Amino acid sequence: MRLIKPACFAFLAILSCMLSTARAEELENPYKKVDVGDWVEWKTEAMGQEMTMKETVKAKDETSVTLTIESKAMGQTHSQEHKIDLTKPYDPKKPQGEANNAKVEIVEKGTETIKVAEKEYKCNWTKVKVTMDMAGKTIETNAKTYVCTDVPMGGVVKVESEAMGMKSIMEITGHGKAASK
């Protein structure tokens, strides 16, 4: 069981990379529109386990946004911060953090209305192939990411992926705006 836990967090790092690449063609940085306290949460089914990941805007000024990203899997919590520079062009194909050496290739694009958690989302989808080095091994991930402009902080609604012989489905479970001031 000890080997599975690192694999879960490696898998979450790859999913984090998928989130980073979701809006490869967006002209304006989606994080310019967020406020402190905004959040998005997803759940993932993989390896017979359920994992959750939540992004929350911790801080924002005119030049940057700081996100807290909290992942929970198999009774463990992993938290990290991620800073997005708002003064530079947003390049979601250049993932940050643990996945910063990833090479992203866009394979196919389309549109589709999907239903997740009893709600319909009109999405643009992108199939990508991501190759990255993790702990001295080359890992290849194939994923299809569904993005909807009605969802804040990048718009990711669903990600279907396969990496390291594991298939997963990640779906949005909720999102919210900061409390009114």
N, C-alpha and C. Protein backbone atom coordinates (compact mmCIF):
# COMPACT_ATOMS: atom_id res chain seq x y z
N MET A 1 0.83 -1.21 0.00
CA MET A 1 0.00 0.00 0.00
C MET A 1 0.86 1.25 0.00
N ARG A 2 2.07 1.20 0.54
CA ARG A 2 2.93 2.38 0.59
C ARG A 2 3.29 2.86 -0.81
N LEU A 3 3.41 1.97 -1.78
CA LEU A 3 3.76 2.36 -3.13
C LEU A 3 2.61 3.08 -3.82
N ILE A 4 1.39 2.76 -3.43
CA ILE A 4 0.25 3.39 -4.06
C ILE A 4 0.14 4.86 -3.68
N LYS A 5 0.45 5.22 -2.45
CA LYS A 5 0.31 6.61 -2.02
C LYS A 5 1.18 7.56 -2.85
N PRO A 6 2.48 7.29 -3.06
CA PRO A 6 3.26 8.17 -3.93
C PRO A 6 2.70 8.20 -5.35
N ALA A 7 2.18 7.06 -5.81
CA ALA A 7 1.59 7.02 -7.14
C ALA A 7 0.38 7.94 -7.22
N CYS A 8 -0.42 7.98 -6.15
CA CYS A 8 -1.59 8.88 -6.13
C CYS A 8 -1.16 10.33 -6.27
N PHE A 9 -0.14 10.72 -5.52
CA PHE A 9 0.29 12.11 -5.58
C PHE A 9 0.98 12.42 -6.91
N ALA A 10 1.68 11.45 -7.49
CA ALA A 10 2.24 11.64 -8.83
C ALA A 10 1.11 11.83 -9.83
N PHE A 11 0.06 11.02 -9.66
CA PHE A 11 -1.08 11.14 -10.54
C PHE A 11 -1.75 12.51 -10.39
N LEU A 12 -1.84 13.00 -9.15
CA LEU A 12 -2.40 14.33 -8.92
C LEU A 12 -1.54 15.42 -9.55
N ALA A 13 -0.23 15.23 -9.55
CA ALA A 13 0.66 16.19 -10.21
C ALA A 13 0.37 16.24 -11.70
N ILE A 14 0.13 15.07 -12.29
CA ILE A 14 -0.19 15.01 -13.71
C ILE A 14 -1.54 15.67 -13.95
N LEU A 15 -2.52 15.42 -13.07
CA LEU A 15 -3.82 16.07 -13.22
C LEU A 15 -3.69 17.58 -13.09
N SER A 16 -2.83 18.02 -12.19
CA SER A 16 -2.58 19.45 -12.05
C SER A 16 -2.06 20.02 -13.37
N CYS A 17 -1.20 19.27 -14.01
CA CYS A 17 -0.68 19.66 -15.32
C CYS A 17 -1.83 19.77 -16.32
N MET A 18 -2.77 18.82 -16.28
CA MET A 18 -3.91 18.85 -17.20
C MET A 18 -4.73 20.12 -16.99
N LEU A 19 -4.90 20.50 -15.72
CA LEU A 19 -5.65 21.72 -15.43
C LEU A 19 -4.93 22.93 -15.99
N SER A 20 -3.62 22.92 -15.91
CA SER A 20 -2.83 24.04 -16.41
C SER A 20 -2.95 24.20 -17.91
N THR A 21 -3.19 23.10 -18.61
CA THR A 21 -3.20 23.15 -20.07
C THR A 21 -4.60 23.32 -20.65
N ALA A 22 -5.60 23.43 -19.81
CA ALA A 22 -6.98 23.38 -20.26
C ALA A 22 -7.38 24.49 -21.22
N ARG A 23 -6.84 25.67 -21.08
CA ARG A 23 -7.25 26.79 -21.94
C ARG A 23 -6.10 27.28 -22.79
N ALA A 24 -5.56 26.42 -23.59
CA ALA A 24 -4.37 26.74 -24.37
C ALA A 24 -4.58 27.88 -25.36
N GLU A 25 -5.81 28.16 -25.73
CA GLU A 25 -6.04 29.18 -26.74
C GLU A 25 -6.72 30.44 -26.19
N GLU A 26 -6.91 30.50 -24.89
CA GLU A 26 -7.60 31.66 -24.32
C GLU A 26 -6.75 32.91 -24.46
N LEU A 27 -7.38 34.00 -24.91
CA LEU A 27 -6.65 35.24 -25.14
C LEU A 27 -6.34 35.98 -23.85
N GLU A 28 -7.30 36.03 -22.94
CA GLU A 28 -7.09 36.75 -21.69
C GLU A 28 -6.89 35.75 -20.55
N ASN A 29 -6.01 36.10 -19.66
CA ASN A 29 -5.73 35.26 -18.51
C ASN A 29 -7.00 35.12 -17.67
N PRO A 30 -7.52 33.90 -17.47
CA PRO A 30 -8.76 33.74 -16.72
C PRO A 30 -8.61 34.13 -15.25
N TYR A 31 -7.39 34.19 -14.75
CA TYR A 31 -7.16 34.52 -13.35
C TYR A 31 -7.21 36.02 -13.09
N LYS A 32 -7.27 36.85 -14.13
CA LYS A 32 -7.44 38.29 -13.93
C LYS A 32 -8.84 38.60 -13.38
N LYS A 33 -9.78 37.69 -13.59
CA LYS A 33 -11.17 37.91 -13.19
C LYS A 33 -11.51 37.36 -11.81
N VAL A 34 -10.57 36.73 -11.13
CA VAL A 34 -10.88 36.10 -9.84
C VAL A 34 -10.73 37.08 -8.68
N ASP A 35 -11.33 36.72 -7.56
CA ASP A 35 -11.21 37.48 -6.32
C ASP A 35 -10.71 36.54 -5.22
N VAL A 36 -10.11 37.12 -4.19
CA VAL A 36 -9.67 36.32 -3.04
C VAL A 36 -10.89 35.59 -2.49
N GLY A 37 -10.74 34.29 -2.29
CA GLY A 37 -11.83 33.46 -1.78
C GLY A 37 -12.54 32.65 -2.85
N ASP A 38 -12.38 33.00 -4.14
CA ASP A 38 -12.98 32.19 -5.19
C ASP A 38 -12.38 30.79 -5.14
N TRP A 39 -13.15 29.77 -5.53
CA TRP A 39 -12.67 28.39 -5.44
C TRP A 39 -13.33 27.50 -6.48
N VAL A 40 -12.64 26.41 -6.78
CA VAL A 40 -13.16 25.35 -7.63
C VAL A 40 -12.69 24.03 -7.03
N GLU A 41 -13.58 23.02 -7.03
CA GLU A 41 -13.22 21.72 -6.46
C GLU A 41 -13.61 20.61 -7.43
N TRP A 42 -12.73 19.59 -7.51
CA TRP A 42 -12.95 18.45 -8.38
C TRP A 42 -12.78 17.17 -7.59
N LYS A 43 -13.40 16.08 -8.07
CA LYS A 43 -13.11 14.76 -7.52
C LYS A 43 -12.61 13.89 -8.66
N THR A 44 -11.74 12.95 -8.31
CA THR A 44 -11.15 12.06 -9.28
C THR A 44 -11.32 10.62 -8.82
N GLU A 45 -11.72 9.77 -9.75
CA GLU A 45 -11.78 8.33 -9.50
C GLU A 45 -10.62 7.72 -10.26
N ALA A 46 -9.70 7.08 -9.52
CA ALA A 46 -8.55 6.43 -10.14
C ALA A 46 -8.04 5.34 -9.22
N MET A 47 -7.60 4.24 -9.79
CA MET A 47 -7.02 3.14 -9.02
C MET A 47 -7.96 2.65 -7.92
N GLY A 48 -9.26 2.73 -8.16
CA GLY A 48 -10.22 2.29 -7.16
C GLY A 48 -10.34 3.23 -5.98
N GLN A 49 -9.73 4.39 -6.08
CA GLN A 49 -9.75 5.36 -4.99
C GLN A 49 -10.39 6.67 -5.46
N GLU A 50 -10.91 7.41 -4.51
CA GLU A 50 -11.42 8.75 -4.80
C GLU A 50 -10.46 9.77 -4.24
N MET A 51 -10.15 10.76 -5.04
CA MET A 51 -9.28 11.85 -4.62
C MET A 51 -10.03 13.15 -4.87
N THR A 52 -9.69 14.19 -4.10
CA THR A 52 -10.27 15.51 -4.34
C THR A 52 -9.16 16.53 -4.48
N MET A 53 -9.45 17.57 -5.22
CA MET A 53 -8.51 18.68 -5.36
C MET A 53 -9.32 19.97 -5.37
N LYS A 54 -8.84 20.94 -4.59
CA LYS A 54 -9.52 22.23 -4.50
C LYS A 54 -8.51 23.34 -4.70
N GLU A 55 -8.84 24.26 -5.62
CA GLU A 55 -8.04 25.47 -5.83
C GLU A 55 -8.80 26.63 -5.22
N THR A 56 -8.11 27.42 -4.39
CA THR A 56 -8.71 28.59 -3.76
C THR A 56 -7.78 29.78 -3.97
N VAL A 57 -8.35 30.93 -4.31
CA VAL A 57 -7.54 32.14 -4.47
C VAL A 57 -7.20 32.65 -3.08
N LYS A 58 -5.90 32.63 -2.75
CA LYS A 58 -5.43 33.05 -1.43
C LYS A 58 -5.12 34.54 -1.40
N ALA A 59 -4.53 35.05 -2.49
CA ALA A 59 -4.14 36.46 -2.54
C ALA A 59 -4.19 36.93 -3.98
N LYS A 60 -4.42 38.22 -4.15
CA LYS A 60 -4.43 38.81 -5.49
C LYS A 60 -4.06 40.28 -5.38
N ASP A 61 -3.20 40.70 -6.31
CA ASP A 61 -2.94 42.12 -6.47
C ASP A 61 -2.91 42.39 -7.97
N GLU A 62 -2.48 43.57 -8.38
CA GLU A 62 -2.52 43.90 -9.80
C GLU A 62 -1.54 43.10 -10.65
N THR A 63 -0.54 42.48 -10.01
CA THR A 63 0.48 41.78 -10.78
C THR A 63 0.45 40.26 -10.64
N SER A 64 -0.24 39.73 -9.62
CA SER A 64 -0.21 38.27 -9.45
C SER A 64 -1.42 37.76 -8.67
N VAL A 65 -1.64 36.45 -8.81
CA VAL A 65 -2.66 35.73 -8.06
C VAL A 65 -1.95 34.55 -7.41
N THR A 66 -2.23 34.31 -6.13
CA THR A 66 -1.67 33.15 -5.44
C THR A 66 -2.81 32.19 -5.14
N LEU A 67 -2.64 30.94 -5.59
CA LEU A 67 -3.62 29.90 -5.36
C LEU A 67 -3.11 28.94 -4.29
N THR A 68 -4.02 28.45 -3.47
CA THR A 68 -3.73 27.32 -2.61
C THR A 68 -4.39 26.12 -3.27
N ILE A 69 -3.61 25.07 -3.49
CA ILE A 69 -4.13 23.86 -4.12
C ILE A 69 -4.01 22.74 -3.10
N GLU A 70 -5.17 22.22 -2.69
CA GLU A 70 -5.19 21.17 -1.68
C GLU A 70 -5.72 19.89 -2.30
N SER A 71 -4.93 18.81 -2.18
CA SER A 71 -5.31 17.50 -2.70
C SER A 71 -5.48 16.55 -1.53
N LYS A 72 -6.52 15.71 -1.59
CA LYS A 72 -6.74 14.71 -0.55
C LYS A 72 -6.89 13.35 -1.23
N ALA A 73 -6.09 12.38 -0.75
CA ALA A 73 -6.15 11.03 -1.29
C ALA A 73 -5.72 10.04 -0.22
N MET A 74 -6.47 8.97 -0.08
CA MET A 74 -6.12 7.88 0.83
C MET A 74 -5.79 8.36 2.23
N GLY A 75 -6.57 9.31 2.74
CA GLY A 75 -6.38 9.79 4.09
C GLY A 75 -5.25 10.79 4.28
N GLN A 76 -4.59 11.16 3.19
CA GLN A 76 -3.51 12.14 3.28
C GLN A 76 -3.90 13.41 2.55
N THR A 77 -3.38 14.52 3.04
CA THR A 77 -3.61 15.82 2.41
C THR A 77 -2.28 16.39 1.96
N HIS A 78 -2.28 16.91 0.76
CA HIS A 78 -1.09 17.57 0.21
C HIS A 78 -1.53 18.98 -0.18
N SER A 79 -0.81 19.98 0.29
CA SER A 79 -1.15 21.37 -0.01
C SER A 79 0.06 22.08 -0.58
N GLN A 80 -0.19 22.91 -1.59
CA GLN A 80 0.88 23.71 -2.16
C GLN A 80 0.31 25.04 -2.63
N GLU A 81 1.20 26.00 -2.81
CA GLU A 81 0.80 27.29 -3.34
C GLU A 81 1.36 27.43 -4.74
N HIS A 82 0.63 28.15 -5.54
CA HIS A 82 1.03 28.38 -6.93
C HIS A 82 0.77 29.85 -7.25
N LYS A 83 1.78 30.55 -7.72
CA LYS A 83 1.66 31.98 -8.04
C LYS A 83 1.58 32.15 -9.55
N ILE A 84 0.62 32.93 -9.99
CA ILE A 84 0.42 33.22 -11.41
C ILE A 84 0.73 34.69 -11.64
N ASP A 85 1.65 34.94 -12.55
CA ASP A 85 2.06 36.31 -12.88
C ASP A 85 1.08 36.89 -13.89
N LEU A 86 0.34 37.91 -13.48
CA LEU A 86 -0.66 38.53 -14.35
C LEU A 86 -0.06 39.56 -15.31
N THR A 87 1.22 39.90 -15.15
CA THR A 87 1.85 40.88 -16.03
C THR A 87 2.41 40.24 -17.29
N LYS A 88 2.50 38.92 -17.30
CA LYS A 88 3.03 38.20 -18.46
C LYS A 88 1.90 37.49 -19.18
N PRO A 89 2.09 37.24 -20.47
CA PRO A 89 1.05 36.49 -21.19
C PRO A 89 0.82 35.14 -20.53
N TYR A 90 -0.43 34.76 -20.44
CA TYR A 90 -0.79 33.49 -19.82
C TYR A 90 -0.50 32.36 -20.80
N ASP A 91 0.33 31.42 -20.40
CA ASP A 91 0.68 30.29 -21.24
C ASP A 91 0.35 29.01 -20.50
N PRO A 92 -0.90 28.52 -20.62
CA PRO A 92 -1.28 27.33 -19.89
C PRO A 92 -0.58 26.07 -20.40
N LYS A 93 0.06 26.13 -21.56
CA LYS A 93 0.80 24.97 -22.06
C LYS A 93 2.17 24.87 -21.39
N LYS A 94 2.49 25.79 -20.49
CA LYS A 94 3.74 25.77 -19.75
C LYS A 94 3.38 25.54 -18.28
N PRO A 95 3.13 24.28 -17.90
CA PRO A 95 2.71 23.98 -16.53
C PRO A 95 3.75 24.39 -15.50
N GLN A 96 3.28 24.57 -14.29
CA GLN A 96 4.14 25.01 -13.19
C GLN A 96 4.30 23.90 -12.17
N GLY A 97 5.07 24.18 -11.14
CA GLY A 97 5.20 23.27 -10.01
C GLY A 97 5.86 21.96 -10.39
N GLU A 98 5.32 20.85 -9.86
CA GLU A 98 5.90 19.54 -10.07
C GLU A 98 5.93 19.13 -11.53
N ALA A 99 5.06 19.70 -12.34
CA ALA A 99 4.97 19.29 -13.74
C ALA A 99 5.67 20.29 -14.66
N ASN A 100 6.66 21.02 -14.17
CA ASN A 100 7.25 22.10 -14.96
C ASN A 100 8.12 21.63 -16.12
N ASN A 101 8.40 20.36 -16.25
CA ASN A 101 9.19 19.88 -17.38
C ASN A 101 8.32 19.20 -18.43
N ALA A 102 7.04 19.41 -18.37
CA ALA A 102 6.10 18.73 -19.27
C ALA A 102 6.14 19.32 -20.67
N LYS A 103 6.02 18.43 -21.66
CA LYS A 103 5.87 18.82 -23.06
C LYS A 103 4.43 18.49 -23.43
N VAL A 104 3.69 19.50 -23.91
CA VAL A 104 2.28 19.33 -24.21
C VAL A 104 2.06 19.42 -25.72
N GLU A 105 1.39 18.40 -26.26
CA GLU A 105 1.05 18.36 -27.68
C GLU A 105 -0.47 18.30 -27.80
N ILE A 106 -1.06 19.27 -28.49
CA ILE A 106 -2.50 19.26 -28.72
C ILE A 106 -2.77 18.31 -29.89
N VAL A 107 -3.66 17.33 -29.64
CA VAL A 107 -3.95 16.28 -30.62
C VAL A 107 -5.22 16.57 -31.41
N GLU A 108 -6.26 17.06 -30.72
CA GLU A 108 -7.56 17.27 -31.36
C GLU A 108 -8.38 18.23 -30.51
N LYS A 109 -9.36 18.91 -31.16
CA LYS A 109 -10.25 19.85 -30.45
C LYS A 109 -11.68 19.68 -30.95
N GLY A 110 -12.65 20.08 -30.10
CA GLY A 110 -14.04 20.02 -30.50
C GLY A 110 -14.93 20.72 -29.50
N THR A 111 -16.24 20.61 -29.69
CA THR A 111 -17.23 21.16 -28.76
C THR A 111 -18.24 20.07 -28.43
N GLU A 112 -18.80 20.15 -27.21
CA GLU A 112 -19.76 19.14 -26.78
C GLU A 112 -20.45 19.64 -25.52
N THR A 113 -21.73 19.34 -25.39
CA THR A 113 -22.45 19.62 -24.15
C THR A 113 -22.42 18.34 -23.33
N ILE A 114 -21.92 18.45 -22.09
CA ILE A 114 -21.84 17.28 -21.22
C ILE A 114 -22.61 17.54 -19.93
N LYS A 115 -23.00 16.46 -19.26
CA LYS A 115 -23.71 16.56 -17.99
C LYS A 115 -22.82 16.02 -16.89
N VAL A 116 -22.55 16.86 -15.90
CA VAL A 116 -21.73 16.48 -14.75
C VAL A 116 -22.48 16.92 -13.49
N ALA A 117 -22.65 16.00 -12.56
CA ALA A 117 -23.34 16.30 -11.30
C ALA A 117 -24.68 16.97 -11.54
N GLU A 118 -25.45 16.37 -12.43
CA GLU A 118 -26.82 16.82 -12.74
C GLU A 118 -26.89 18.21 -13.37
N LYS A 119 -25.77 18.74 -13.89
CA LYS A 119 -25.78 20.04 -14.53
C LYS A 119 -25.16 19.92 -15.92
N GLU A 120 -25.76 20.61 -16.89
CA GLU A 120 -25.21 20.58 -18.25
C GLU A 120 -24.25 21.74 -18.45
N TYR A 121 -23.14 21.44 -19.11
CA TYR A 121 -22.12 22.44 -19.43
C TYR A 121 -21.84 22.38 -20.92
N LYS A 122 -21.89 23.55 -21.58
CA LYS A 122 -21.51 23.64 -22.98
C LYS A 122 -19.99 23.85 -22.99
N CYS A 123 -19.27 22.84 -23.48
CA CYS A 123 -17.81 22.83 -23.34
C CYS A 123 -17.07 22.84 -24.68
N ASN A 124 -15.89 23.39 -24.65
CA ASN A 124 -14.88 23.15 -25.66
C ASN A 124 -13.99 22.07 -25.07
N TRP A 125 -13.60 21.09 -25.88
CA TRP A 125 -12.71 20.06 -25.37
C TRP A 125 -11.43 20.02 -26.19
N THR A 126 -10.38 19.57 -25.53
CA THR A 126 -9.07 19.44 -26.15
C THR A 126 -8.46 18.11 -25.74
N LYS A 127 -8.00 17.34 -26.72
CA LYS A 127 -7.24 16.12 -26.44
C LYS A 127 -5.77 16.50 -26.50
N VAL A 128 -5.02 16.11 -25.46
CA VAL A 128 -3.59 16.41 -25.42
C VAL A 128 -2.79 15.15 -25.09
N LYS A 129 -1.52 15.21 -25.48
CA LYS A 129 -0.54 14.21 -25.09
C LYS A 129 0.52 14.97 -24.31
N VAL A 130 0.75 14.57 -23.07
CA VAL A 130 1.72 15.23 -22.20
C VAL A 130 2.83 14.23 -21.90
N THR A 131 4.08 14.66 -22.12
CA THR A 131 5.23 13.84 -21.79
C THR A 131 6.05 14.62 -20.76
N MET A 132 6.42 13.92 -19.66
CA MET A 132 7.18 14.59 -18.62
C MET A 132 8.10 13.61 -17.91
N ASP A 133 9.12 14.15 -17.29
CA ASP A 133 10.05 13.34 -16.51
C ASP A 133 9.66 13.48 -15.05
N MET A 134 9.45 12.35 -14.37
CA MET A 134 9.10 12.36 -12.96
C MET A 134 9.92 11.27 -12.28
N ALA A 135 10.75 11.67 -11.36
CA ALA A 135 11.60 10.74 -10.60
C ALA A 135 12.45 9.87 -11.53
N GLY A 136 12.96 10.49 -12.59
CA GLY A 136 13.86 9.78 -13.50
C GLY A 136 13.18 8.91 -14.54
N LYS A 137 11.86 8.92 -14.58
CA LYS A 137 11.12 8.13 -15.56
C LYS A 137 10.32 9.06 -16.46
N THR A 138 10.23 8.69 -17.73
CA THR A 138 9.41 9.44 -18.66
C THR A 138 7.98 8.91 -18.56
N ILE A 139 7.07 9.83 -18.33
CA ILE A 139 5.66 9.47 -18.18
C ILE A 139 4.87 10.15 -19.29
N GLU A 140 4.04 9.37 -19.96
CA GLU A 140 3.19 9.90 -21.02
C GLU A 140 1.74 9.84 -20.56
N THR A 141 1.05 10.93 -20.74
CA THR A 141 -0.36 11.03 -20.37
C THR A 141 -1.16 11.45 -21.58
N ASN A 142 -2.28 10.78 -21.81
CA ASN A 142 -3.23 11.18 -22.83
C ASN A 142 -4.48 11.63 -22.11
N ALA A 143 -4.99 12.80 -22.49
CA ALA A 143 -6.14 13.33 -21.76
C ALA A 143 -7.07 14.09 -22.68
N LYS A 144 -8.33 14.11 -22.29
CA LYS A 144 -9.34 14.94 -22.96
C LYS A 144 -9.92 15.83 -21.87
N THR A 145 -9.75 17.14 -22.04
CA THR A 145 -10.18 18.12 -21.05
C THR A 145 -11.36 18.91 -21.59
N TYR A 146 -12.43 18.99 -20.80
CA TYR A 146 -13.64 19.74 -21.15
C TYR A 146 -13.63 21.05 -20.36
N VAL A 147 -13.77 22.17 -21.08
CA VAL A 147 -13.69 23.50 -20.46
C VAL A 147 -14.96 24.28 -20.79
N CYS A 148 -15.51 24.98 -19.78
CA CYS A 148 -16.70 25.80 -19.94
C CYS A 148 -16.42 27.20 -19.40
N THR A 149 -16.76 28.21 -20.16
CA THR A 149 -16.49 29.59 -19.74
C THR A 149 -17.33 30.01 -18.52
N ASP A 150 -18.37 29.25 -18.18
CA ASP A 150 -19.19 29.57 -17.00
C ASP A 150 -18.53 29.15 -15.69
N VAL A 151 -17.45 28.39 -15.78
CA VAL A 151 -16.75 27.90 -14.59
C VAL A 151 -15.52 28.78 -14.38
N PRO A 152 -15.33 29.32 -13.17
CA PRO A 152 -14.19 30.22 -12.93
C PRO A 152 -12.84 29.49 -12.89
N MET A 153 -11.77 30.27 -12.89
CA MET A 153 -10.41 29.80 -12.66
C MET A 153 -9.98 28.73 -13.66
N GLY A 154 -10.19 29.01 -14.92
CA GLY A 154 -9.74 28.10 -15.96
C GLY A 154 -10.84 27.30 -16.61
N GLY A 155 -11.99 27.16 -15.96
CA GLY A 155 -13.16 26.55 -16.57
C GLY A 155 -13.19 25.04 -16.70
N VAL A 156 -12.29 24.31 -16.04
CA VAL A 156 -12.24 22.86 -16.22
C VAL A 156 -13.46 22.20 -15.58
N VAL A 157 -14.19 21.44 -16.40
CA VAL A 157 -15.38 20.73 -15.94
C VAL A 157 -15.07 19.24 -15.76
N LYS A 158 -14.31 18.68 -16.71
CA LYS A 158 -14.05 17.24 -16.68
C LYS A 158 -12.73 16.96 -17.39
N VAL A 159 -11.99 15.98 -16.86
CA VAL A 159 -10.77 15.50 -17.51
C VAL A 159 -10.81 13.98 -17.50
N GLU A 160 -10.70 13.38 -18.69
CA GLU A 160 -10.56 11.93 -18.82
C GLU A 160 -9.11 11.70 -19.19
N SER A 161 -8.40 10.87 -18.42
CA SER A 161 -6.98 10.70 -18.72
C SER A 161 -6.51 9.27 -18.48
N GLU A 162 -5.38 8.97 -19.10
CA GLU A 162 -4.70 7.70 -18.89
C GLU A 162 -3.22 7.98 -18.78
N ALA A 163 -2.62 7.51 -17.68
CA ALA A 163 -1.19 7.70 -17.43
C ALA A 163 -0.69 6.55 -16.57
N MET A 164 0.50 6.10 -16.82
CA MET A 164 1.13 5.05 -16.02
C MET A 164 0.23 3.82 -15.90
N GLY A 165 -0.52 3.51 -16.96
CA GLY A 165 -1.41 2.36 -16.95
C GLY A 165 -2.68 2.57 -16.15
N MET A 166 -2.92 3.79 -15.68
CA MET A 166 -4.10 4.09 -14.89
C MET A 166 -5.03 5.01 -15.66
N LYS A 167 -6.31 4.69 -15.62
CA LYS A 167 -7.32 5.56 -16.20
C LYS A 167 -7.99 6.33 -15.08
N SER A 168 -8.37 7.56 -15.37
CA SER A 168 -9.08 8.34 -14.35
C SER A 168 -10.10 9.25 -15.01
N ILE A 169 -11.07 9.62 -14.21
CA ILE A 169 -12.04 10.64 -14.61
C ILE A 169 -12.10 11.64 -13.48
N MET A 170 -11.84 12.89 -13.81
CA MET A 170 -11.93 13.97 -12.84
C MET A 170 -13.11 14.85 -13.25
N GLU A 171 -13.99 15.16 -12.30
CA GLU A 171 -15.15 16.00 -12.58
C GLU A 171 -15.30 17.07 -11.52
N ILE A 172 -15.80 18.21 -11.96
CA ILE A 172 -16.06 19.31 -11.04
C ILE A 172 -17.15 18.91 -10.05
N THR A 173 -16.97 19.27 -8.79
CA THR A 173 -18.00 19.01 -7.78
C THR A 173 -18.60 20.31 -7.26
N GLY A 174 -17.92 21.42 -7.51
CA GLY A 174 -18.46 22.70 -7.07
C GLY A 174 -17.50 23.83 -7.36
N HIS A 175 -18.05 25.04 -7.33
CA HIS A 175 -17.24 26.25 -7.48
C HIS A 175 -18.00 27.40 -6.85
N GLY A 176 -17.27 28.43 -6.44
CA GLY A 176 -17.93 29.55 -5.81
C GLY A 176 -17.12 30.83 -5.90
N LYS A 177 -17.81 31.91 -5.75
CA LYS A 177 -17.19 33.24 -5.75
C LYS A 177 -16.95 33.66 -4.31
N ALA A 178 -16.06 34.61 -4.15
CA ALA A 178 -15.78 35.15 -2.83
C ALA A 178 -17.05 35.73 -2.23
N ALA A 179 -17.13 35.74 -0.91
CA ALA A 179 -18.28 36.30 -0.22
C ALA A 179 -18.42 37.78 -0.56
N SER A 180 -19.64 38.24 -0.65
CA SER A 180 -19.89 39.67 -0.95
C SER A 180 -19.27 40.54 0.12
N LYS A 181 -18.77 41.69 -0.33
CA LYS A 181 -18.12 42.62 0.62
C LYS A 181 -19.07 43.66 1.11
